[in-house]
Structure formats: C-alpha cells, structure tokens
Amino acid sequence: MPTRRAALLATPLLALSRPARAQAWPSRPVTILVPFAPGSLPDGNARFLAQRLAPRLGQPVVIENKGGAGGNIGAEAAARARPDGHTILFGTQGTHAANRWLYGALPYDAQRDFIPVHALFADFNILVVGKDSPYRDVAALVEAAKAQPGRLTYASGGAGTGVHLAGALFAKVAGIELTHVPYRGTPAALNDLVAGRADLMFDYAVTSMPLINGGQARALAVTGQERLGTLPAVPTVAELGLAEAGTMVWSGFFLPAGTPAPVATRLAAETAAVLAEDEAKRWAERTDSTRLQGLALERFADFIAAEMERWRMIVAVSGARLD
C-alpha cells in the first residue's frame, strides 16, 4: 500500500500532468466531419484544409462525409461527438444560420451545442444552364418562366442547402415560379443539368467552372456583389435589376460544446495560419472564394449571430420551408 507521504508527493505530479495532457492534443487522428456529399464545395474546401492542417497538428486529418437534411444530419453527429477536439465540424451558413428558420425543429442547437472556432471561406453562386438550353440570358429565362409558371426546374445538391435557397430567393425576387428538384449531392444535380433533365441551377464556381470551361454548361449570372474574376463577362444579379437575389455562403470550423478552451484556441490559431498561407490564397483564387481571415472565436460568434438574422430574412423572402 502506498504511504501517505507517497500519496502527497504524487498529488503535485498529477496536477502537472493534467495540463501536459491537454497540451498534447491531438493525441490521435482528427476527423473533419463534412455534413455534405463528396465532391461538393464544402467537401473540396475541407479536404484542402485537412491537408494543410495535418502537418501543423502532427496527426492525420481525415474527412468523414455525413450528408443529408441540408447538413443537419452531420451537424447533429458532430454535436454528439466526444468533446475532446478530435471531431471538428465543417459548418456552413446552412447548419449555423439558415436551417434554424428553414426547419420546424432541429436536432441540435447551433449556438448552444458548438464552439465557433474560425470562419473559413465565403462563396457565391453562379446561375448555370446546360449547353443545349434555349436560354442565353436571364431575361429570356425569366420570360419563359412567367409564360409557364412551375414548368422550369432548378436543381440543387439537397433541400435546405445554400443552392436551394439561392434558387428560391431568385424566383421570389424575379416574380416567377420555379420547381425545385433536390438531389443527393451536387455532382448528381450537375449531371442532370448537363443532360438537360434540369433547366437551371445556382451552383458554386469550384464545381461548375469545369463544365463551363468545357462547354457543357453556360453561366448567365452570379450572385455576388462583384463579377467573378474567372467570368468577367457574366453580370451580377444586381446589374440585372435583381439585387435582392444576391447571396453569399460561408463556412467555418466548429467544435462540440465542452471541448477544452486550449484546444479551441490552438485550432483557431492553426486555422488562421493555414488561411494566411500563399497556398490558401491560390486555392481561393482557383475556386473564386474569399478567405474569411480574422474571424475567430468570439468574433466568429458575433458574425454568426448577425448571419442568423440575415438568413432569417432570406428564408422569409424566399418562402422556403422544410418540416
């Protein structure tokens, strides 16, 4: 049996070992949980970040895709994960702003169940049609939609996604009726757009530009405030008199509530360092994205609070509702 003296001597050693264990994070591979399908914009961004974070963390960083319900299934899984820093959620404006207003009830609380770590990228949509589409510009598309309400279909990578909301908002602002067709992920939606089984789609540059450059799709407009560098001839919706149809989607890293503060602080610092790298700058240029630098921890939380109100208004204007 250990003596009382040995026990007393062990006490300060145990106290010293606790912070040492905390500082050892991560002690095993880290998983970035992406609540969307492989091949989607969030998936591509997450894989880029995982590759850059791994050497900084000293552990492999792997991607786990858990799509469905506009990101809610994956977000719920992340909220229930062990809060030790080894599961990171790649959240979006959907999981942490829009879905609160889109769905009658969520299986998680976006503010209570997560620690906002760092914002990542902001992206804009491109209104695209297939190469054989009869619509050469937005005016022709709107005219056709007004002539036959509900006949034109717009594809998305899933109900409740930013692409879905962008289409619903555009229809509301343009005063037309479009039929939404959700798919299980962006690649499937784009396949049907190219094949002519869907009339249009509000996609992201990273997934639609290869099709546009390859002549399989045409870009009619972009939802950002400025034209995209890769599509200088394509107007913004604001230039077309549809400024209220402008949208911006964003992403960020989140940890389950209860994760030790030093872990969140270190992950925020490492993420900030990755976003500041030249490689991240080049990645953003290739994908027509904007790096959201300087939005970490408390500042990111304030940003999310403002975005919740913004997306409440967008959902209300679009009339979209998912139960």
C-alpha atoms as a PDB file:
ATOM      1  CA  MET A   1       0.000   0.000   0.000  1.00  0.00           C
ATOM      2  CA  PRO A   2       1.371   3.455  -0.799  1.00  0.00           C
ATOM      3  CA  THR A   3       2.319   5.563   2.192  1.00  0.00           C
ATOM      4  CA  ARG A   4       0.613   8.874   2.964  1.00  0.00           C
ATOM      5  CA  ARG A   5       3.909  10.630   2.095  1.00  0.00           C
ATOM      6  CA  ALA A   6       3.993   8.936  -1.327  1.00  0.00           C
ATOM      7  CA  ALA A   7       0.398   9.961  -1.981  1.00  0.00           C
ATOM      8  CA  LEU A   8       1.120  13.572  -1.041  1.00  0.00           C
ATOM      9  CA  LEU A   9       4.186  13.625  -3.273  1.00  0.00           C
ATOM     10  CA  ALA A  10       2.135  12.229  -6.158  1.00  0.00           C
ATOM     11  CA  THR A  11      -0.519  14.963  -5.910  1.00  0.00           C
ATOM     12  CA  PRO A  12       1.518  17.821  -7.430  1.00  0.00           C
ATOM     13  CA  LEU A  13       2.837  15.455 -10.089  1.00  0.00           C
ATOM     14  CA  LEU A  14      -0.745  14.613 -11.085  1.00  0.00           C
ATOM     15  CA  ALA A  15      -1.613  18.298 -11.182  1.00  0.00           C
ATOM     16  CA  LEU A  16       1.294  18.949 -13.502  1.00  0.00           C
ATOM     17  CA  SER A  17       0.336  16.056 -15.753  1.00  0.00           C
ATOM     18  CA  ARG A  18      -3.161  17.413 -16.457  1.00  0.00           C
ATOM     19  CA  PRO A  19      -2.095  20.449 -18.471  1.00  0.00           C
ATOM     20  CA  ALA A  20       0.531  18.320 -20.162  1.00  0.00           C
ATOM     21  CA  ARG A  21      -2.214  16.015 -21.393  1.00  0.00           C
ATOM     22  CA  ALA A  22      -4.279  18.987 -22.593  1.00  0.00           C
ATOM     23  CA  GLN A  23      -1.282  20.377 -24.450  1.00  0.00           C
ATOM     24  CA  ALA A  24      -0.755  17.001 -26.130  1.00  0.00           C
ATOM     25  CA  TRP A  25      -3.842  17.490 -28.280  1.00  0.00           C
ATOM     26  CA  PRO A  26      -4.280  15.940 -30.722  1.00  0.00           C
ATOM     27  CA  SER A  27      -3.243  12.529 -29.476  1.00  0.00           C
ATOM     28  CA  ARG A  28      -4.723  10.596 -32.418  1.00  0.00           C
ATOM     29  CA  PRO A  29      -6.057  11.300 -35.928  1.00  0.00           C
ATOM     30  CA  VAL A  30      -8.500  14.191 -36.178  1.00  0.00           C
ATOM     31  CA  THR A  31     -11.748  13.896 -38.129  1.00  0.00           C
ATOM     32  CA  ILE A  32     -13.330  16.794 -40.001  1.00  0.00           C
ATOM     33  CA  LEU A  33     -16.993  15.928 -40.297  1.00  0.00           C
ATOM     34  CA  VAL A  34     -18.426  17.374 -43.525  1.00  0.00           C
ATOM     35  CA  PRO A  35     -22.255  17.349 -43.482  1.00  0.00           C
ATOM     36  CA  PHE A  36     -22.468  17.250 -47.282  1.00  0.00           C
ATOM     37  CA  ALA A  37     -21.708  14.795 -50.073  1.00  0.00           C
ATOM     38  CA  PRO A  38     -18.251  14.070 -51.517  1.00  0.00           C
ATOM     39  CA  GLY A  39     -17.490  16.330 -54.469  1.00  0.00           C
ATOM     40  CA  SER A  40     -19.449  19.274 -53.060  1.00  0.00           C
ATOM     41  CA  LEU A  41     -17.920  22.694 -52.388  1.00  0.00           C
ATOM     42  CA  PRO A  42     -17.709  22.123 -48.605  1.00  0.00           C
ATOM     43  CA  ASP A  43     -16.064  18.758 -49.225  1.00  0.00           C
ATOM     44  CA  GLY A  44     -13.414  20.255 -51.511  1.00  0.00           C
ATOM     45  CA  ASN A  45     -12.609  23.077 -49.105  1.00  0.00           C
ATOM     46  CA  ALA A  46     -12.468  20.701 -46.149  1.00  0.00           C
ATOM     47  CA  ARG A  47     -10.052  18.364 -47.949  1.00  0.00           C
ATOM     48  CA  PHE A  48      -7.766  21.269 -48.815  1.00  0.00           C
ATOM     49  CA  LEU A  49      -7.737  22.436 -45.185  1.00  0.00           C
ATOM     50  CA  ALA A  50      -7.212  18.910 -43.855  1.00  0.00           C
ATOM     51  CA  GLN A  51      -4.108  18.537 -45.995  1.00  0.00           C
ATOM     52  CA  ARG A  52      -2.678  21.830 -44.736  1.00  0.00           C
ATOM     53  CA  LEU A  53      -3.617  21.275 -41.079  1.00  0.00           C
ATOM     54  CA  ALA A  54      -2.196  17.771 -40.688  1.00  0.00           C
ATOM     55  CA  PRO A  55       1.499  18.748 -40.510  1.00  0.00           C
ATOM     56  CA  ARG A  56       0.679  21.595 -38.126  1.00  0.00           C
ATOM     57  CA  LEU A  57      -1.233  19.320 -35.762  1.00  0.00           C
ATOM     58  CA  GLY A  58       1.207  16.428 -36.042  1.00  0.00           C
ATOM     59  CA  GLN A  59      -1.591  13.939 -36.717  1.00  0.00           C
ATOM     60  CA  PRO A  60      -3.503  12.756 -39.795  1.00  0.00           C
ATOM     61  CA  VAL A  61      -6.643  14.794 -40.500  1.00  0.00           C
ATOM     62  CA  VAL A  62      -9.319  12.726 -42.219  1.00  0.00           C
ATOM     63  CA  ILE A  63     -12.629  13.660 -43.832  1.00  0.00           C
ATOM     64  CA  GLU A  64     -15.906  11.980 -42.937  1.00  0.00           C
ATOM     65  CA  ASN A  65     -18.891  12.856 -45.136  1.00  0.00           C
ATOM     66  CA  LYS A  66     -22.276  12.592 -43.454  1.00  0.00           C
ATOM     67  CA  GLY A  67     -24.724  14.388 -45.719  1.00  0.00           C
ATOM     68  CA  GLY A  68     -28.479  14.806 -45.662  1.00  0.00           C
ATOM     69  CA  ALA A  69     -31.213  17.190 -44.494  1.00  0.00           C
ATOM     70  CA  GLY A  70     -29.336  20.314 -45.542  1.00  0.00           C
ATOM     71  CA  GLY A  71     -26.391  19.463 -43.309  1.00  0.00           C
ATOM     72  CA  ASN A  72     -28.475  18.732 -40.212  1.00  0.00           C
ATOM     73  CA  ILE A  73     -27.574  15.029 -40.007  1.00  0.00           C
ATOM     74  CA  GLY A  74     -23.855  15.703 -39.950  1.00  0.00           C
ATOM     75  CA  ALA A  75     -24.207  18.672 -37.609  1.00  0.00           C
ATOM     76  CA  GLU A  76     -26.176  16.570 -35.141  1.00  0.00           C
ATOM     77  CA  ALA A  77     -23.496  13.870 -35.247  1.00  0.00           C
ATOM     78  CA  ALA A  78     -20.806  16.464 -34.546  1.00  0.00           C
ATOM     79  CA  ALA A  79     -22.803  17.947 -31.673  1.00  0.00           C
ATOM     80  CA  ARG A  80     -22.969  14.499 -30.060  1.00  0.00           C
ATOM     81  CA  ALA A  81     -19.301  13.689 -30.620  1.00  0.00           C
ATOM     82  CA  ARG A  82     -16.922  13.405 -27.696  1.00  0.00           C
ATOM     83  CA  PRO A  83     -15.781  16.964 -26.867  1.00  0.00           C
ATOM     84  CA  ASP A  84     -12.059  16.261 -26.905  1.00  0.00           C
ATOM     85  CA  GLY A  85     -11.066  18.105 -30.087  1.00  0.00           C
ATOM     86  CA  HIS A  86     -10.764  15.040 -32.286  1.00  0.00           C
ATOM     87  CA  THR A  87     -14.014  15.733 -34.152  1.00  0.00           C
ATOM     88  CA  ILE A  88     -14.323  19.060 -35.978  1.00  0.00           C
ATOM     89  CA  LEU A  89     -17.456  20.132 -37.816  1.00  0.00           C
ATOM     90  CA  PHE A  90     -17.099  21.884 -41.164  1.00  0.00           C
ATOM     91  CA  GLY A  91     -20.191  24.022 -40.638  1.00  0.00           C
ATOM     92  CA  THR A  92     -21.840  26.448 -43.039  1.00  0.00           C
ATOM     93  CA  GLN A  93     -24.381  29.230 -43.148  1.00  0.00           C
ATOM     94  CA  GLY A  94     -26.899  26.415 -43.534  1.00  0.00           C
ATOM     95  CA  THR A  95     -26.044  24.429 -40.424  1.00  0.00           C
ATOM     96  CA  HIS A  96     -25.469  27.519 -38.286  1.00  0.00           C
ATOM     97  CA  ALA A  97     -27.811  30.206 -39.627  1.00  0.00           C
ATOM     98  CA  ALA A  98     -30.397  29.356 -42.291  1.00  0.00           C
ATOM     99  CA  ASN A  99     -31.548  25.947 -41.066  1.00  0.00           C
ATOM    100  CA  ARG A 100     -32.838  27.420 -37.848  1.00  0.00           C
ATOM    101  CA  TRP A 101     -35.506  29.185 -39.909  1.00  0.00           C
ATOM    102  CA  LEU A 102     -35.961  26.576 -42.621  1.00  0.00           C
ATOM    103  CA  TYR A 103     -36.858  23.636 -40.419  1.00  0.00           C
ATOM    104  CA  GLY A 104     -39.650  23.321 -37.905  1.00  0.00           C
ATOM    105  CA  ALA A 105     -37.252  21.771 -35.397  1.00  0.00           C
ATOM    106  CA  LEU A 106     -33.535  20.996 -35.444  1.00  0.00           C
ATOM    107  CA  PRO A 107     -31.903  18.029 -33.681  1.00  0.00           C
ATOM    108  CA  TYR A 108     -29.226  20.397 -32.339  1.00  0.00           C
ATOM    109  CA  ASP A 109     -28.864  23.995 -31.184  1.00  0.00           C
ATOM    110  CA  ALA A 110     -26.416  25.843 -33.422  1.00  0.00           C
ATOM    111  CA  GLN A 111     -25.314  28.189 -30.642  1.00  0.00           C
ATOM    112  CA  ARG A 112     -25.596  26.051 -27.508  1.00  0.00           C
ATOM    113  CA  ASP A 113     -24.093  22.826 -28.870  1.00  0.00           C
ATOM    114  CA  PHE A 114     -20.970  24.210 -30.568  1.00  0.00           C
ATOM    115  CA  ILE A 115     -17.904  26.362 -30.040  1.00  0.00           C
ATOM    116  CA  PRO A 116     -17.276  28.608 -33.084  1.00  0.00           C
ATOM    117  CA  VAL A 117     -13.552  28.243 -33.841  1.00  0.00           C
ATOM    118  CA  HIS A 118     -12.733  30.088 -37.066  1.00  0.00           C
ATOM    119  CA  ALA A 119     -14.523  31.236 -40.224  1.00  0.00           C
ATOM    120  CA  LEU A 120     -13.080  29.788 -43.435  1.00  0.00           C
ATOM    121  CA  PHE A 121     -14.377  30.801 -46.870  1.00  0.00           C
ATOM    122  CA  ALA A 122     -17.154  32.863 -48.445  1.00  0.00           C
ATOM    123  CA  ASP A 123     -18.522  31.770 -51.810  1.00  0.00           C
ATOM    124  CA  PHE A 124     -21.054  32.982 -54.350  1.00  0.00           C
ATOM    125  CA  ASN A 125     -23.407  31.208 -56.711  1.00  0.00           C
ATOM    126  CA  ILE A 126     -23.421  31.070 -60.495  1.00  0.00           C
ATOM    127  CA  LEU A 127     -26.722  30.718 -62.321  1.00  0.00           C
ATOM    128  CA  VAL A 128     -25.928  27.993 -64.856  1.00  0.00           C
ATOM    129  CA  VAL A 129     -27.871  26.224 -67.605  1.00  0.00           C
ATOM    130  CA  GLY A 130     -26.923  23.289 -69.821  1.00  0.00           C
ATOM    131  CA  LYS A 131     -25.142  23.813 -73.125  1.00  0.00           C
ATOM    132  CA  ASP A 132     -28.304  22.968 -75.094  1.00  0.00           C
ATOM    133  CA  SER A 133     -30.526  25.265 -73.055  1.00  0.00           C
ATOM    134  CA  PRO A 134     -32.573  27.727 -75.154  1.00  0.00           C
ATOM    135  CA  TYR A 135     -31.938  30.451 -72.576  1.00  0.00           C
ATOM    136  CA  ARG A 136     -28.994  32.657 -73.492  1.00  0.00           C
ATOM    137  CA  ASP A 137     -29.549  35.234 -70.745  1.00  0.00           C
ATOM    138  CA  VAL A 138     -31.540  35.800 -67.563  1.00  0.00           C
ATOM    139  CA  ALA A 139     -34.168  37.918 -69.310  1.00  0.00           C
ATOM    140  CA  ALA A 140     -35.086  35.040 -71.637  1.00  0.00           C
ATOM    141  CA  LEU A 141     -35.207  32.583 -68.744  1.00  0.00           C
ATOM    142  CA  VAL A 142     -37.467  34.850 -66.671  1.00  0.00           C
ATOM    143  CA  GLU A 143     -39.763  35.444 -69.643  1.00  0.00           C
ATOM    144  CA  ALA A 144     -40.154  31.695 -70.204  1.00  0.00           C
ATOM    145  CA  ALA A 145     -40.819  31.073 -66.518  1.00  0.00           C
ATOM    146  CA  LYS A 146     -43.524  33.741 -66.430  1.00  0.00           C
ATOM    147  CA  ALA A 147     -45.179  32.242 -69.510  1.00  0.00           C
ATOM    148  CA  GLN A 148     -45.369  28.770 -67.928  1.00  0.00           C
ATOM    149  CA  PRO A 149     -45.283  29.014 -64.109  1.00  0.00           C
ATOM    150  CA  GLY A 150     -43.703  25.993 -62.457  1.00  0.00           C
ATOM    151  CA  ARG A 151     -42.539  24.316 -65.667  1.00  0.00           C
ATOM    152  CA  LEU A 152     -38.875  25.222 -65.322  1.00  0.00           C
ATOM    153  CA  THR A 153     -36.927  23.184 -62.779  1.00  0.00           C
ATOM    154  CA  TYR A 154     -33.894  24.164 -60.771  1.00  0.00           C
ATOM    155  CA  ALA A 155     -31.600  21.524 -59.336  1.00  0.00           C
ATOM    156  CA  SER A 156     -29.735  21.601 -56.038  1.00  0.00           C
ATOM    157  CA  GLY A 157     -27.478  19.332 -54.027  1.00  0.00           C
ATOM    158  CA  GLY A 158     -30.205  18.909 -51.415  1.00  0.00           C
ATOM    159  CA  ALA A 159     -33.184  20.542 -49.784  1.00  0.00           C
ATOM    160  CA  GLY A 160     -32.194  23.369 -47.463  1.00  0.00           C
ATOM    161  CA  THR A 161     -28.728  23.893 -48.951  1.00  0.00           C
ATOM    162  CA  GLY A 162     -27.459  27.342 -49.926  1.00  0.00           C
ATOM    163  CA  VAL A 163     -28.018  26.394 -53.571  1.00  0.00           C
ATOM    164  CA  HIS A 164     -31.665  25.595 -52.846  1.00  0.00           C
ATOM    165  CA  LEU A 165     -32.195  28.900 -51.042  1.00  0.00           C
ATOM    166  CA  ALA A 166     -30.427  30.878 -53.770  1.00  0.00           C
ATOM    167  CA  GLY A 167     -32.858  29.466 -56.325  1.00  0.00           C
ATOM    168  CA  ALA A 168     -35.913  30.079 -54.154  1.00  0.00           C
ATOM    169  CA  LEU A 169     -34.795  33.635 -53.431  1.00  0.00           C
ATOM    170  CA  PHE A 170     -34.121  34.334 -57.110  1.00  0.00           C
ATOM    171  CA  ALA A 171     -37.604  33.093 -58.086  1.00  0.00           C
ATOM    172  CA  LYS A 172     -39.220  35.275 -55.415  1.00  0.00           C
ATOM    173  CA  VAL A 173     -37.313  38.414 -56.421  1.00  0.00           C
ATOM    174  CA  ALA A 174     -37.831  37.817 -60.149  1.00  0.00           C
ATOM    175  CA  GLY A 175     -41.545  37.194 -59.631  1.00  0.00           C
ATOM    176  CA  ILE A 176     -41.515  33.725 -61.193  1.00  0.00           C
ATOM    177  CA  GLU A 177     -42.381  30.192 -60.132  1.00  0.00           C
ATOM    178  CA  LEU A 178     -39.713  27.504 -60.402  1.00  0.00           C
ATOM    179  CA  THR A 179     -39.919  23.853 -59.369  1.00  0.00           C
ATOM    180  CA  HIS A 180     -37.148  22.762 -57.024  1.00  0.00           C
ATOM    181  CA  VAL A 181     -35.603  19.324 -57.625  1.00  0.00           C
ATOM    182  CA  PRO A 182     -33.233  18.276 -54.809  1.00  0.00           C
ATOM    183  CA  TYR A 183     -30.534  15.668 -55.448  1.00  0.00           C
ATOM    184  CA  ARG A 184     -28.268  13.694 -53.169  1.00  0.00           C
ATOM    185  CA  GLY A 185     -25.285  15.964 -53.673  1.00  0.00           C
ATOM    186  CA  THR A 186     -24.014  18.497 -56.196  1.00  0.00           C
ATOM    187  CA  PRO A 187     -22.451  16.060 -58.699  1.00  0.00           C
ATOM    188  CA  ALA A 188     -25.788  14.306 -59.314  1.00  0.00           C
ATOM    189  CA  ALA A 189     -27.552  17.640 -59.766  1.00  0.00           C
ATOM    190  CA  LEU A 190     -24.956  18.854 -62.259  1.00  0.00           C
ATOM    191  CA  ASN A 191     -25.156  15.606 -64.199  1.00  0.00           C
ATOM    192  CA  ASP A 192     -28.857  16.125 -64.794  1.00  0.00           C
ATOM    193  CA  LEU A 193     -28.324  19.799 -65.633  1.00  0.00           C
ATOM    194  CA  VAL A 194     -25.796  18.862 -68.331  1.00  0.00           C
ATOM    195  CA  ALA A 195     -28.086  16.102 -69.602  1.00  0.00           C
ATOM    196  CA  GLY A 196     -30.974  18.544 -69.933  1.00  0.00           C
ATOM    197  CA  ARG A 197     -33.124  16.916 -67.253  1.00  0.00           C
ATOM    198  CA  ALA A 198     -32.933  20.084 -65.129  1.00  0.00           C
ATOM    199  CA  ASP A 199     -33.326  23.579 -66.569  1.00  0.00           C
ATOM    200  CA  LEU A 200     -31.039  25.599 -64.316  1.00  0.00           C
ATOM    201  CA  MET A 201     -29.011  25.569 -61.138  1.00  0.00           C
ATOM    202  CA  PHE A 202     -27.356  28.014 -58.758  1.00  0.00           C
ATOM    203  CA  ASP A 203     -24.003  26.329 -58.336  1.00  0.00           C
ATOM    204  CA  TYR A 204     -20.577  27.269 -56.978  1.00  0.00           C
ATOM    205  CA  ALA A 205     -17.612  28.166 -59.148  1.00  0.00           C
ATOM    206  CA  VAL A 206     -15.416  25.297 -57.965  1.00  0.00           C
ATOM    207  CA  THR A 207     -17.854  22.669 -59.299  1.00  0.00           C
ATOM    208  CA  SER A 208     -19.459  24.486 -62.241  1.00  0.00           C
ATOM    209  CA  MET A 209     -16.407  26.165 -63.814  1.00  0.00           C
ATOM    210  CA  PRO A 210     -15.016  22.887 -65.255  1.00  0.00           C
ATOM    211  CA  LEU A 211     -18.343  22.385 -67.024  1.00  0.00           C
ATOM    212  CA  ILE A 212     -18.497  25.994 -68.187  1.00  0.00           C
ATOM    213  CA  ASN A 213     -14.924  25.898 -69.465  1.00  0.00           C
ATOM    214  CA  GLY A 214     -15.593  22.566 -71.139  1.00  0.00           C
ATOM    215  CA  GLY A 215     -18.629  23.890 -72.986  1.00  0.00           C
ATOM    216  CA  GLN A 216     -21.100  21.646 -71.149  1.00  0.00           C
ATOM    217  CA  ALA A 217     -22.817  24.499 -69.308  1.00  0.00           C
ATOM    218  CA  ARG A 218     -23.333  28.245 -69.650  1.00  0.00           C
ATOM    219  CA  ALA A 219     -23.206  30.907 -66.958  1.00  0.00           C
ATOM    220  CA  LEU A 220     -25.959  33.529 -67.005  1.00  0.00           C
ATOM    221  CA  ALA A 221     -25.355  35.488 -63.776  1.00  0.00           C
ATOM    222  CA  VAL A 222     -23.515  35.492 -60.436  1.00  0.00           C
ATOM    223  CA  THR A 223     -24.965  36.275 -57.015  1.00  0.00           C
ATOM    224  CA  GLY A 224     -22.015  38.218 -55.588  1.00  0.00           C
ATOM    225  CA  GLN A 225     -21.715  41.982 -55.410  1.00  0.00           C
ATOM    226  CA  GLU A 226     -18.934  41.900 -57.997  1.00  0.00           C
ATOM    227  CA  ARG A 227     -18.290  39.863 -61.131  1.00  0.00           C
ATOM    228  CA  LEU A 228     -16.090  36.822 -60.705  1.00  0.00           C
ATOM    229  CA  GLY A 229     -12.525  37.061 -61.952  1.00  0.00           C
ATOM    230  CA  THR A 230     -12.958  33.842 -63.901  1.00  0.00           C
ATOM    231  CA  LEU A 231     -16.203  35.072 -65.510  1.00  0.00           C
ATOM    232  CA  PRO A 232     -15.621  38.764 -66.260  1.00  0.00           C
ATOM    233  CA  ALA A 233     -18.336  38.862 -68.953  1.00  0.00           C
ATOM    234  CA  VAL A 234     -21.073  37.401 -66.747  1.00  0.00           C
ATOM    235  CA  PRO A 235     -23.197  40.044 -64.951  1.00  0.00           C
ATOM    236  CA  THR A 236     -24.204  40.057 -61.308  1.00  0.00           C
ATOM    237  CA  VAL A 237     -27.863  39.759 -60.381  1.00  0.00           C
ATOM    238  CA  ALA A 238     -27.658  43.337 -59.133  1.00  0.00           C
ATOM    239  CA  GLU A 239     -26.630  44.518 -62.591  1.00  0.00           C
ATOM    240  CA  LEU A 240     -29.732  42.795 -63.940  1.00  0.00           C
ATOM    241  CA  GLY A 241     -32.008  44.677 -61.563  1.00  0.00           C
ATOM    242  CA  LEU A 242     -32.336  41.771 -59.107  1.00  0.00           C
ATOM    243  CA  ALA A 243     -30.063  42.974 -56.311  1.00  0.00           C
ATOM    244  CA  GLU A 244     -32.180  41.358 -53.591  1.00  0.00           C
ATOM    245  CA  ALA A 245     -31.391  37.971 -55.131  1.00  0.00           C
ATOM    246  CA  GLY A 246     -27.724  38.305 -54.132  1.00  0.00           C
ATOM    247  CA  THR A 247     -26.400  35.617 -51.798  1.00  0.00           C
ATOM    248  CA  MET A 248     -23.164  34.717 -50.052  1.00  0.00           C
ATOM    249  CA  VAL A 249     -22.488  31.421 -48.352  1.00  0.00           C
ATOM    250  CA  TRP A 250     -19.751  30.818 -45.807  1.00  0.00           C
ATOM    251  CA  SER A 251     -18.091  28.027 -43.890  1.00  0.00           C
ATOM    252  CA  GLY A 252     -16.303  27.629 -40.594  1.00  0.00           C
ATOM    253  CA  PHE A 253     -14.827  25.178 -38.116  1.00  0.00           C
ATOM    254  CA  PHE A 254     -16.832  24.256 -35.010  1.00  0.00           C
ATOM    255  CA  LEU A 255     -16.105  22.031 -32.022  1.00  0.00           C
ATOM    256  CA  PRO A 256     -18.657  20.283 -29.795  1.00  0.00           C
ATOM    257  CA  ALA A 257     -19.613  22.285 -26.719  1.00  0.00           C
ATOM    258  CA  GLY A 258     -17.497  21.277 -23.739  1.00  0.00           C
ATOM    259  CA  THR A 259     -14.265  20.962 -25.713  1.00  0.00           C
ATOM    260  CA  PRO A 260     -11.426  22.389 -23.584  1.00  0.00           C
ATOM    261  CA  ALA A 261     -10.726  26.046 -24.333  1.00  0.00           C
ATOM    262  CA  PRO A 262      -6.995  25.468 -25.026  1.00  0.00           C
ATOM    263  CA  VAL A 263      -7.949  23.046 -27.807  1.00  0.00           C
ATOM    264  CA  ALA A 264     -10.288  25.576 -29.425  1.00  0.00           C
ATOM    265  CA  THR A 265      -7.668  28.298 -29.095  1.00  0.00           C
ATOM    266  CA  ARG A 266      -4.953  26.204 -30.707  1.00  0.00           C
ATOM    267  CA  LEU A 267      -7.221  25.033 -33.547  1.00  0.00           C
ATOM    268  CA  ALA A 268      -8.196  28.658 -34.199  1.00  0.00           C
ATOM    269  CA  ALA A 269      -4.540  29.689 -34.331  1.00  0.00           C
ATOM    270  CA  GLU A 270      -3.547  26.838 -36.653  1.00  0.00           C
ATOM    271  CA  THR A 271      -6.517  27.529 -38.932  1.00  0.00           C
ATOM    272  CA  ALA A 272      -5.631  31.223 -39.095  1.00  0.00           C
ATOM    273  CA  ALA A 273      -2.069  30.286 -40.049  1.00  0.00           C
ATOM    274  CA  VAL A 274      -3.318  27.999 -42.856  1.00  0.00           C
ATOM    275  CA  LEU A 275      -5.627  30.691 -44.244  1.00  0.00           C
ATOM    276  CA  ALA A 276      -2.712  33.136 -44.300  1.00  0.00           C
ATOM    277  CA  GLU A 277      -0.545  30.823 -46.416  1.00  0.00           C
ATOM    278  CA  ASP A 278       0.116  31.582 -50.063  1.00  0.00           C
ATOM    279  CA  GLU A 279      -1.298  28.169 -50.913  1.00  0.00           C
ATOM    280  CA  ALA A 280      -4.631  29.151 -49.335  1.00  0.00           C
ATOM    281  CA  LYS A 281      -4.604  32.387 -51.322  1.00  0.00           C
ATOM    282  CA  ARG A 282      -4.057  30.441 -54.530  1.00  0.00           C
ATOM    283  CA  TRP A 283      -6.776  27.945 -53.576  1.00  0.00           C
ATOM    284  CA  ALA A 284      -9.261  30.782 -53.011  1.00  0.00           C
ATOM    285  CA  GLU A 285      -8.375  32.305 -56.368  1.00  0.00           C
ATOM    286  CA  ARG A 286      -8.862  28.975 -58.142  1.00  0.00           C
ATOM    287  CA  THR A 287     -12.257  28.432 -56.523  1.00  0.00           C
ATOM    288  CA  ASP A 288     -13.427  32.083 -56.713  1.00  0.00           C
ATOM    289  CA  SER A 289     -13.700  32.097 -52.925  1.00  0.00           C
ATOM    290  CA  THR A 290     -12.891  34.739 -50.325  1.00  0.00           C
ATOM    291  CA  ARG A 291     -10.815  33.843 -47.276  1.00  0.00           C
ATOM    292  CA  LEU A 292     -12.521  34.941 -44.053  1.00  0.00           C
ATOM    293  CA  GLN A 293      -9.438  35.897 -42.098  1.00  0.00           C
ATOM    294  CA  GLY A 294      -9.542  37.403 -38.628  1.00  0.00           C
ATOM    295  CA  LEU A 295     -12.893  35.834 -37.671  1.00  0.00           C
ATOM    296  CA  ALA A 296     -12.029  33.543 -34.783  1.00  0.00           C
ATOM    297  CA  LEU A 297     -13.705  32.510 -31.519  1.00  0.00           C
ATOM    298  CA  GLU A 298     -15.681  35.478 -30.094  1.00  0.00           C
ATOM    299  CA  ARG A 299     -15.545  37.475 -33.340  1.00  0.00           C
ATOM    300  CA  PHE A 300     -16.776  34.452 -35.254  1.00  0.00           C
ATOM    301  CA  ALA A 301     -19.609  34.023 -32.745  1.00  0.00           C
ATOM    302  CA  ASP A 302     -20.678  37.654 -33.302  1.00  0.00           C
ATOM    303  CA  PHE A 303     -20.537  37.115 -37.067  1.00  0.00           C
ATOM    304  CA  ILE A 304     -22.791  34.058 -36.757  1.00  0.00           C
ATOM    305  CA  ALA A 305     -25.346  35.971 -34.683  1.00  0.00           C
ATOM    306  CA  ALA A 306     -25.595  38.598 -37.426  1.00  0.00           C
ATOM    307  CA  GLU A 307     -25.814  35.910 -40.113  1.00  0.00           C
ATOM    308  CA  MET A 308     -28.683  34.204 -38.312  1.00  0.00           C
ATOM    309  CA  GLU A 309     -30.718  37.379 -38.645  1.00  0.00           C
ATOM    310  CA  ARG A 310     -29.688  37.848 -42.283  1.00  0.00           C
ATOM    311  CA  TRP A 311     -30.708  34.316 -43.236  1.00  0.00           C
ATOM    312  CA  ARG A 312     -33.953  34.652 -41.286  1.00  0.00           C
ATOM    313  CA  MET A 313     -34.861  37.423 -43.713  1.00  0.00           C
ATOM    314  CA  ILE A 314     -33.683  35.444 -46.765  1.00  0.00           C
ATOM    315  CA  VAL A 315     -35.745  32.410 -45.757  1.00  0.00           C
ATOM    316  CA  ALA A 316     -38.763  34.626 -45.118  1.00  0.00           C
ATOM    317  CA  VAL A 317     -38.435  36.329 -48.516  1.00  0.00           C
ATOM    318  CA  SER A 318     -37.905  33.029 -50.336  1.00  0.00           C
ATOM    319  CA  GLY A 319     -40.932  31.410 -48.712  1.00  0.00           C
ATOM    320  CA  ALA A 320     -38.950  28.173 -48.361  1.00  0.00           C
ATOM    321  CA  ARG A 321     -39.938  25.834 -45.528  1.00  0.00           C
ATOM    322  CA  LEU A 322     -38.832  22.307 -44.684  1.00  0.00           C
ATOM    323  CA  ASP A 323     -40.501  20.219 -41.997  1.00  0.00           C
END
